[in-house]
Amino acid sequence: MQKNETITVDERLEITAKAFNLLDAGDREGYSRLTRSIPMPPYLAKVAKEKIGADFLIDGGWNLSEAEAEFGPDWLAG
């Protein structure tokens, strides 16, 4: 999935189920990778930026496509 794609609720649930299957199988890295591929809601991304810092979001590989769509492509810099 591209980072700039939006996904449906059903797709989010499907990815979440797959991620939990990986976690149940002991694959924490796969779980983390899949959960970070789900677009972070803009309100949560904004709070994370304010409380934890932009580097956490950038370095963590979070899918910020919805936040970028709402706040603009340079929202992490400001």
PDB file of N, CA and C in Angstrom:
ATOM      1  N   MET A   1       0.843  -1.177   0.000  1.00  0.00           N
ATOM      2  CA  MET A   1       0.000   0.000   0.000  1.00  0.00           C
ATOM      3  C   MET A   1       0.890   1.243   0.000  1.00  0.00           C
ATOM      4  N   GLN A   2       0.578   2.168  -0.846  1.00  0.00           N
ATOM      5  CA  GLN A   2       1.299   3.420  -0.898  1.00  0.00           C
ATOM      6  C   GLN A   2       0.922   4.273   0.305  1.00  0.00           C
ATOM      7  N   LYS A   3       1.844   5.089   0.775  1.00  0.00           N
ATOM      8  CA  LYS A   3       1.579   5.925   1.942  1.00  0.00           C
ATOM      9  C   LYS A   3       0.562   7.019   1.665  1.00  0.00           C
ATOM     10  N   ASN A   4       0.290   7.317   0.409  1.00  0.00           N
ATOM     11  CA  ASN A   4      -0.647   8.392   0.102  1.00  0.00           C
ATOM     12  C   ASN A   4      -2.045   7.877  -0.229  1.00  0.00           C
ATOM     13  N   GLU A   5      -2.278   6.588  -0.036  1.00  0.00           N
ATOM     14  CA  GLU A   5      -3.590   6.027  -0.317  1.00  0.00           C
ATOM     15  C   GLU A   5      -4.461   6.073   0.931  1.00  0.00           C
ATOM     16  N   THR A   6      -5.750   6.289   0.718  1.00  0.00           N
ATOM     17  CA  THR A   6      -6.685   6.164   1.823  1.00  0.00           C
ATOM     18  C   THR A   6      -7.290   4.771   1.755  1.00  0.00           C
ATOM     19  N   ILE A   7      -7.751   4.289   2.890  1.00  0.00           N
ATOM     20  CA  ILE A   7      -8.314   2.956   2.924  1.00  0.00           C
ATOM     21  C   ILE A   7      -9.671   2.992   3.620  1.00  0.00           C
ATOM     22  N   THR A   8     -10.470   1.994   3.334  1.00  0.00           N
ATOM     23  CA  THR A   8     -11.803   1.907   3.922  1.00  0.00           C
ATOM     24  C   THR A   8     -11.711   1.325   5.334  1.00  0.00           C
ATOM     25  N   VAL A   9     -12.806   1.427   6.065  1.00  0.00           N
ATOM     26  CA  VAL A   9     -12.870   0.842   7.399  1.00  0.00           C
ATOM     27  C   VAL A   9     -12.673  -0.667   7.314  1.00  0.00           C
ATOM     28  N   ASP A  10     -13.303  -1.294   6.328  1.00  0.00           N
ATOM     29  CA  ASP A  10     -13.143  -2.740   6.166  1.00  0.00           C
ATOM     30  C   ASP A  10     -11.688  -3.115   5.907  1.00  0.00           C
ATOM     31  N   GLU A  11     -10.979  -2.313   5.115  1.00  0.00           N
ATOM     32  CA  GLU A  11      -9.564  -2.576   4.855  1.00  0.00           C
ATOM     33  C   GLU A  11      -8.739  -2.405   6.135  1.00  0.00           C
ATOM     34  N   ARG A  12      -9.074  -1.396   6.918  1.00  0.00           N
ATOM     35  CA  ARG A  12      -8.383  -1.191   8.209  1.00  0.00           C
ATOM     36  C   ARG A  12      -8.574  -2.404   9.107  1.00  0.00           C
ATOM     37  N   LEU A  13      -9.810  -2.880   9.171  1.00  0.00           N
ATOM     38  CA  LEU A  13     -10.092  -4.042  10.016  1.00  0.00           C
ATOM     39  C   LEU A  13      -9.373  -5.290   9.523  1.00  0.00           C
ATOM     40  N   GLU A  14      -9.306  -5.457   8.207  1.00  0.00           N
ATOM     41  CA  GLU A  14      -8.609  -6.608   7.631  1.00  0.00           C
ATOM     42  C   GLU A  14      -7.117  -6.566   7.959  1.00  0.00           C
ATOM     43  N   ILE A  15      -6.504  -5.404   7.813  1.00  0.00           N
ATOM     44  CA  ILE A  15      -5.085  -5.256   8.130  1.00  0.00           C
ATOM     45  C   ILE A  15      -4.854  -5.485   9.621  1.00  0.00           C
ATOM     46  N   THR A  16      -5.742  -4.962  10.445  1.00  0.00           N
ATOM     47  CA  THR A  16      -5.614  -5.146  11.891  1.00  0.00           C
ATOM     48  C   THR A  16      -5.706  -6.619  12.262  1.00  0.00           C
ATOM     49  N   ALA A  17      -6.631  -7.342  11.660  1.00  0.00           N
ATOM     50  CA  ALA A  17      -6.771  -8.774  11.933  1.00  0.00           C
ATOM     51  C   ALA A  17      -5.505  -9.528  11.522  1.00  0.00           C
ATOM     52  N   LYS A  18      -4.963  -9.192  10.359  1.00  0.00           N
ATOM     53  CA  LYS A  18      -3.721  -9.835   9.902  1.00  0.00           C
ATOM     54  C   LYS A  18      -2.571  -9.514  10.863  1.00  0.00           C
ATOM     55  N   ALA A  19      -2.543  -8.266  11.329  1.00  0.00           N
ATOM     56  CA  ALA A  19      -1.486  -7.865  12.254  1.00  0.00           C
ATOM     57  C   ALA A  19      -1.581  -8.661  13.551  1.00  0.00           C
ATOM     58  N   PHE A  20      -2.779  -8.829  14.083  1.00  0.00           N
ATOM     59  CA  PHE A  20      -2.935  -9.589  15.317  1.00  0.00           C
ATOM     60  C   PHE A  20      -2.612 -11.065  15.122  1.00  0.00           C
ATOM     61  N   ASN A  21      -2.878 -11.594  13.942  1.00  0.00           N
ATOM     62  CA  ASN A  21      -2.474 -12.968  13.646  1.00  0.00           C
ATOM     63  C   ASN A  21      -0.956 -13.098  13.693  1.00  0.00           C
ATOM     64  N   LEU A  22      -0.260 -12.099  13.157  1.00  0.00           N
ATOM     65  CA  LEU A  22       1.201 -12.107  13.215  1.00  0.00           C
ATOM     66  C   LEU A  22       1.692 -12.019  14.655  1.00  0.00           C
ATOM     67  N   LEU A  23       1.059 -11.163  15.437  1.00  0.00           N
ATOM     68  CA  LEU A  23       1.445 -11.018  16.834  1.00  0.00           C
ATOM     69  C   LEU A  23       1.213 -12.322  17.595  1.00  0.00           C
ATOM     70  N   ASP A  24       0.073 -12.952  17.353  1.00  0.00           N
ATOM     71  CA  ASP A  24      -0.227 -14.234  17.997  1.00  0.00           C
ATOM     72  C   ASP A  24       0.786 -15.307  17.620  1.00  0.00           C
ATOM     73  N   ALA A  25       1.339 -15.187  16.414  1.00  0.00           N
ATOM     74  CA  ALA A  25       2.339 -16.150  15.946  1.00  0.00           C
ATOM     75  C   ALA A  25       3.760 -15.786  16.410  1.00  0.00           C
ATOM     76  N   GLY A  26       3.864 -14.695  17.163  1.00  0.00           N
ATOM     77  CA  GLY A  26       5.159 -14.294  17.682  1.00  0.00           C
ATOM     78  C   GLY A  26       5.943 -13.353  16.792  1.00  0.00           C
ATOM     79  N   ASP A  27       5.333 -12.863  15.722  1.00  0.00           N
ATOM     80  CA  ASP A  27       6.020 -11.962  14.782  1.00  0.00           C
ATOM     81  C   ASP A  27       5.706 -10.512  15.139  1.00  0.00           C
ATOM     82  N   ARG A  28       6.423 -10.001  16.134  1.00  0.00           N
ATOM     83  CA  ARG A  28       6.186  -8.622  16.586  1.00  0.00           C
ATOM     84  C   ARG A  28       6.583  -7.595  15.521  1.00  0.00           C
ATOM     85  N   GLU A  29       7.635  -7.912  14.772  1.00  0.00           N
ATOM     86  CA  GLU A  29       8.087  -6.997  13.717  1.00  0.00           C
ATOM     87  C   GLU A  29       7.038  -6.885  12.613  1.00  0.00           C
ATOM     88  N   GLY A  30       6.481  -8.018  12.204  1.00  0.00           N
ATOM     89  CA  GLY A  30       5.417  -8.005  11.199  1.00  0.00           C
ATOM     90  C   GLY A  30       4.183  -7.275  11.689  1.00  0.00           C
ATOM     91  N   TYR A  31       3.846  -7.489  12.955  1.00  0.00           N
ATOM     92  CA  TYR A  31       2.715  -6.780  13.564  1.00  0.00           C
ATOM     93  C   TYR A  31       2.940  -5.275  13.510  1.00  0.00           C
ATOM     94  N   SER A  32       4.113  -4.847  13.917  1.00  0.00           N
ATOM     95  CA  SER A  32       4.427  -3.423  13.933  1.00  0.00           C
ATOM     96  C   SER A  32       4.391  -2.836  12.525  1.00  0.00           C
ATOM     97  N   ARG A  33       4.974  -3.551  11.578  1.00  0.00           N
ATOM     98  CA  ARG A  33       4.997  -3.074  10.184  1.00  0.00           C
ATOM     99  C   ARG A  33       3.580  -2.878   9.652  1.00  0.00           C
ATOM    100  N   LEU A  34       2.727  -3.862   9.892  1.00  0.00           N
ATOM    101  CA  LEU A  34       1.360  -3.765   9.370  1.00  0.00           C
ATOM    102  C   LEU A  34       0.560  -2.669  10.053  1.00  0.00           C
ATOM    103  N   THR A  35       0.671  -2.559  11.368  1.00  0.00           N
ATOM    104  CA  THR A  35      -0.111  -1.530  12.055  1.00  0.00           C
ATOM    105  C   THR A  35       0.333  -0.125  11.654  1.00  0.00           C
ATOM    106  N   ARG A  36       1.609   0.044  11.379  1.00  0.00           N
ATOM    107  CA  ARG A  36       2.095   1.360  10.946  1.00  0.00           C
ATOM    108  C   ARG A  36       1.697   1.678   9.505  1.00  0.00           C
ATOM    109  N   SER A  37       1.257   0.676   8.765  1.00  0.00           N
ATOM    110  CA  SER A  37       0.816   0.915   7.387  1.00  0.00           C
ATOM    111  C   SER A  37      -0.604   1.480   7.337  1.00  0.00           C
ATOM    112  N   ILE A  38      -1.327   1.365   8.432  1.00  0.00           N
ATOM    113  CA  ILE A  38      -2.685   1.915   8.497  1.00  0.00           C
ATOM    114  C   ILE A  38      -2.560   3.423   8.698  1.00  0.00           C
ATOM    115  N   PRO A  39      -3.240   4.239   7.895  1.00  0.00           N
ATOM    116  CA  PRO A  39      -3.122   5.688   8.075  1.00  0.00           C
ATOM    117  C   PRO A  39      -3.506   6.123   9.490  1.00  0.00           C
ATOM    118  N   MET A  40      -2.611   6.877  10.108  1.00  0.00           N
ATOM    119  CA  MET A  40      -2.880   7.412  11.435  1.00  0.00           C
ATOM    120  C   MET A  40      -3.912   8.540  11.307  1.00  0.00           C
ATOM    121  N   PRO A  41      -4.951   8.535  12.129  1.00  0.00           N
ATOM    122  CA  PRO A  41      -5.939   9.616  12.061  1.00  0.00           C
ATOM    123  C   PRO A  41      -5.264  10.972  12.309  1.00  0.00           C
ATOM    124  N   PRO A  42      -5.681  11.999  11.578  1.00  0.00           N
ATOM    125  CA  PRO A  42      -5.039  13.307  11.711  1.00  0.00           C
ATOM    126  C   PRO A  42      -4.987  13.844  13.138  1.00  0.00           C
ATOM    127  N   TYR A  43      -6.076  13.690  13.895  1.00  0.00           N
ATOM    128  CA  TYR A  43      -6.072  14.221  15.264  1.00  0.00           C
ATOM    129  C   TYR A  43      -5.002  13.526  16.112  1.00  0.00           C
ATOM    130  N   LEU A  44      -4.812  12.229  15.909  1.00  0.00           N
ATOM    131  CA  LEU A  44      -3.815  11.481  16.667  1.00  0.00           C
ATOM    132  C   LEU A  44      -2.400  11.860  16.226  1.00  0.00           C
ATOM    133  N   ALA A  45      -2.208  12.041  14.932  1.00  0.00           N
ATOM    134  CA  ALA A  45      -0.898  12.452  14.421  1.00  0.00           C
ATOM    135  C   ALA A  45      -0.517  13.832  14.964  1.00  0.00           C
ATOM    136  N   LYS A  46      -1.496  14.718  15.050  1.00  0.00           N
ATOM    137  CA  LYS A  46      -1.238  16.070  15.568  1.00  0.00           C
ATOM    138  C   LYS A  46      -0.823  16.017  17.035  1.00  0.00           C
ATOM    139  N   VAL A  47      -1.523  15.222  17.823  1.00  0.00           N
ATOM    140  CA  VAL A  47      -1.184  15.088  19.242  1.00  0.00           C
ATOM    141  C   VAL A  47       0.192  14.437  19.401  1.00  0.00           C
ATOM    142  N   ALA A  48       0.474  13.398  18.613  1.00  0.00           N
ATOM    143  CA  ALA A  48       1.776  12.741  18.683  1.00  0.00           C
ATOM    144  C   ALA A  48       2.897  13.721  18.347  1.00  0.00           C
ATOM    145  N   LYS A  49       2.677  14.543  17.343  1.00  0.00           N
ATOM    146  CA  LYS A  49       3.686  15.539  16.971  1.00  0.00           C
ATOM    147  C   LYS A  49       3.923  16.504  18.130  1.00  0.00           C
ATOM    148  N   GLU A  50       2.842  16.975  18.748  1.00  0.00           N
ATOM    149  CA  GLU A  50       2.957  17.950  19.835  1.00  0.00           C
ATOM    150  C   GLU A  50       3.566  17.347  21.099  1.00  0.00           C
ATOM    151  N   LYS A  51       3.202  16.116  21.424  1.00  0.00           N
ATOM    152  CA  LYS A  51       3.626  15.511  22.698  1.00  0.00           C
ATOM    153  C   LYS A  51       4.922  14.712  22.600  1.00  0.00           C
ATOM    154  N   ILE A  52       5.151  14.056  21.461  1.00  0.00           N
ATOM    155  CA  ILE A  52       6.314  13.180  21.323  1.00  0.00           C
ATOM    156  C   ILE A  52       7.351  13.774  20.369  1.00  0.00           C
ATOM    157  N   GLY A  53       6.869  14.470  19.343  1.00  0.00           N
ATOM    158  CA  GLY A  53       7.779  15.106  18.394  1.00  0.00           C
ATOM    159  C   GLY A  53       7.659  14.540  16.991  1.00  0.00           C
ATOM    160  N   ALA A  54       7.975  15.367  16.029  1.00  0.00           N
ATOM    161  CA  ALA A  54       7.876  14.992  14.621  1.00  0.00           C
ATOM    162  C   ALA A  54       8.822  13.847  14.275  1.00  0.00           C
ATOM    163  N   ASP A  55       9.969  13.800  14.910  1.00  0.00           N
ATOM    164  CA  ASP A  55      10.935  12.734  14.606  1.00  0.00           C
ATOM    165  C   ASP A  55      10.359  11.355  14.896  1.00  0.00           C
ATOM    166  N   PHE A  56       9.571  11.250  15.949  1.00  0.00           N
ATOM    167  CA  PHE A  56       8.925   9.973  16.274  1.00  0.00           C
ATOM    168  C   PHE A  56       8.068   9.496  15.109  1.00  0.00           C
ATOM    169  N   LEU A  57       7.328  10.405  14.520  1.00  0.00           N
ATOM    170  CA  LEU A  57       6.451  10.054  13.403  1.00  0.00           C
ATOM    171  C   LEU A  57       7.251   9.756  12.141  1.00  0.00           C
ATOM    172  N   ILE A  58       8.237  10.572  11.874  1.00  0.00           N
ATOM    173  CA  ILE A  58       9.038  10.411  10.655  1.00  0.00           C
ATOM    174  C   ILE A  58       9.887   9.145  10.738  1.00  0.00           C
ATOM    175  N   ASP A  59      10.631   9.005  11.820  1.00  0.00           N
ATOM    176  CA  ASP A  59      11.540   7.872  11.971  1.00  0.00           C
ATOM    177  C   ASP A  59      10.800   6.554  12.176  1.00  0.00           C
ATOM    178  N   GLY A  60       9.578   6.636  12.697  1.00  0.00           N
ATOM    179  CA  GLY A  60       8.818   5.431  12.983  1.00  0.00           C
ATOM    180  C   GLY A  60       8.164   4.796  11.779  1.00  0.00           C
ATOM    181  N   GLY A  61       8.163   5.490  10.665  1.00  0.00           N
ATOM    182  CA  GLY A  61       7.572   4.925   9.458  1.00  0.00           C
ATOM    183  C   GLY A  61       6.054   4.872   9.469  1.00  0.00           C
ATOM    184  N   TRP A  62       5.435   5.741  10.250  1.00  0.00           N
ATOM    185  CA  TRP A  62       3.975   5.780  10.323  1.00  0.00           C
ATOM    186  C   TRP A  62       3.382   6.268   9.015  1.00  0.00           C
ATOM    187  N   ASN A  63       2.224   5.748   8.668  1.00  0.00           N
ATOM    188  CA  ASN A  63       1.492   6.217   7.491  1.00  0.00           C
ATOM    189  C   ASN A  63       0.747   7.481   7.899  1.00  0.00           C
ATOM    190  N   LEU A  64       1.196   8.605   7.396  1.00  0.00           N
ATOM    191  CA  LEU A  64       0.635   9.907   7.763  1.00  0.00           C
ATOM    192  C   LEU A  64      -0.152  10.531   6.614  1.00  0.00           C
ATOM    193  N   SER A  65      -0.625   9.717   5.699  1.00  0.00           N
ATOM    194  CA  SER A  65      -1.291  10.226   4.503  1.00  0.00           C
ATOM    195  C   SER A  65      -2.533  11.053   4.827  1.00  0.00           C
ATOM    196  N   GLU A  66      -3.310  10.636   5.815  1.00  0.00           N
ATOM    197  CA  GLU A  66      -4.522  11.389   6.147  1.00  0.00           C
ATOM    198  C   GLU A  66      -4.179  12.712   6.824  1.00  0.00           C
ATOM    199  N   ALA A  67      -3.144  12.728   7.655  1.00  0.00           N
ATOM    200  CA  ALA A  67      -2.698  13.974   8.283  1.00  0.00           C
ATOM    201  C   ALA A  67      -2.145  14.927   7.237  1.00  0.00           C
ATOM    202  N   GLU A  68      -1.383  14.395   6.280  1.00  0.00           N
ATOM    203  CA  GLU A  68      -0.857  15.244   5.209  1.00  0.00           C
ATOM    204  C   GLU A  68      -1.979  15.817   4.362  1.00  0.00           C
ATOM    205  N   ALA A  69      -3.013  15.029   4.111  1.00  0.00           N
ATOM    206  CA  ALA A  69      -4.147  15.517   3.325  1.00  0.00           C
ATOM    207  C   ALA A  69      -4.894  16.622   4.073  1.00  0.00           C
ATOM    208  N   GLU A  70      -4.985  16.490   5.387  1.00  0.00           N
ATOM    209  CA  GLU A  70      -5.721  17.491   6.169  1.00  0.00           C
ATOM    210  C   GLU A  70      -4.892  18.722   6.495  1.00  0.00           C
ATOM    211  N   PHE A  71      -3.613  18.522   6.839  1.00  0.00           N
ATOM    212  CA  PHE A  71      -2.785  19.637   7.303  1.00  0.00           C
ATOM    213  C   PHE A  71      -1.809  20.170   6.268  1.00  0.00           C
ATOM    214  N   GLY A  72      -1.655  19.469   5.144  1.00  0.00           N
ATOM    215  CA  GLY A  72      -0.713  19.893   4.115  1.00  0.00           C
ATOM    216  C   GLY A  72       0.578  19.095   4.192  1.00  0.00           C
ATOM    217  N   PRO A  73       1.337  19.058   3.105  1.00  0.00           N
ATOM    218  CA  PRO A  73       2.539  18.213   3.037  1.00  0.00           C
ATOM    219  C   PRO A  73       3.658  18.633   3.981  1.00  0.00           C
ATOM    220  N   ASP A  74       3.671  19.866   4.435  1.00  0.00           N
ATOM    221  CA  ASP A  74       4.760  20.366   5.292  1.00  0.00           C
ATOM    222  C   ASP A  74       4.352  20.493   6.752  1.00  0.00           C
ATOM    223  N   TRP A  75       3.268  19.830   7.156  1.00  0.00           N
ATOM    224  CA  TRP A  75       2.744  20.021   8.511  1.00  0.00           C
ATOM    225  C   TRP A  75       3.721  19.573   9.589  1.00  0.00           C
ATOM    226  N   LEU A  76       4.584  18.606   9.295  1.00  0.00           N
ATOM    227  CA  LEU A  76       5.522  18.146  10.311  1.00  0.00           C
ATOM    228  C   LEU A  76       6.648  19.173  10.554  1.00  0.00           C
ATOM    229  N   ALA A  77       6.926  19.989   9.571  1.00  0.00           N
ATOM    230  CA  ALA A  77       8.015  20.962   9.696  1.00  0.00           C
ATOM    231  C   ALA A  77       7.624  22.170  10.542  1.00  0.00           C
ATOM    232  N   GLY A  78       6.331  22.432  10.622  1.00  0.00           N
ATOM    233  CA  GLY A  78       5.882  23.638  11.315  1.00  0.00           C
ATOM    234  C   GLY A  78       5.498  23.468  12.739  1.00  0.00           C
TER     235      GLY A  78
END
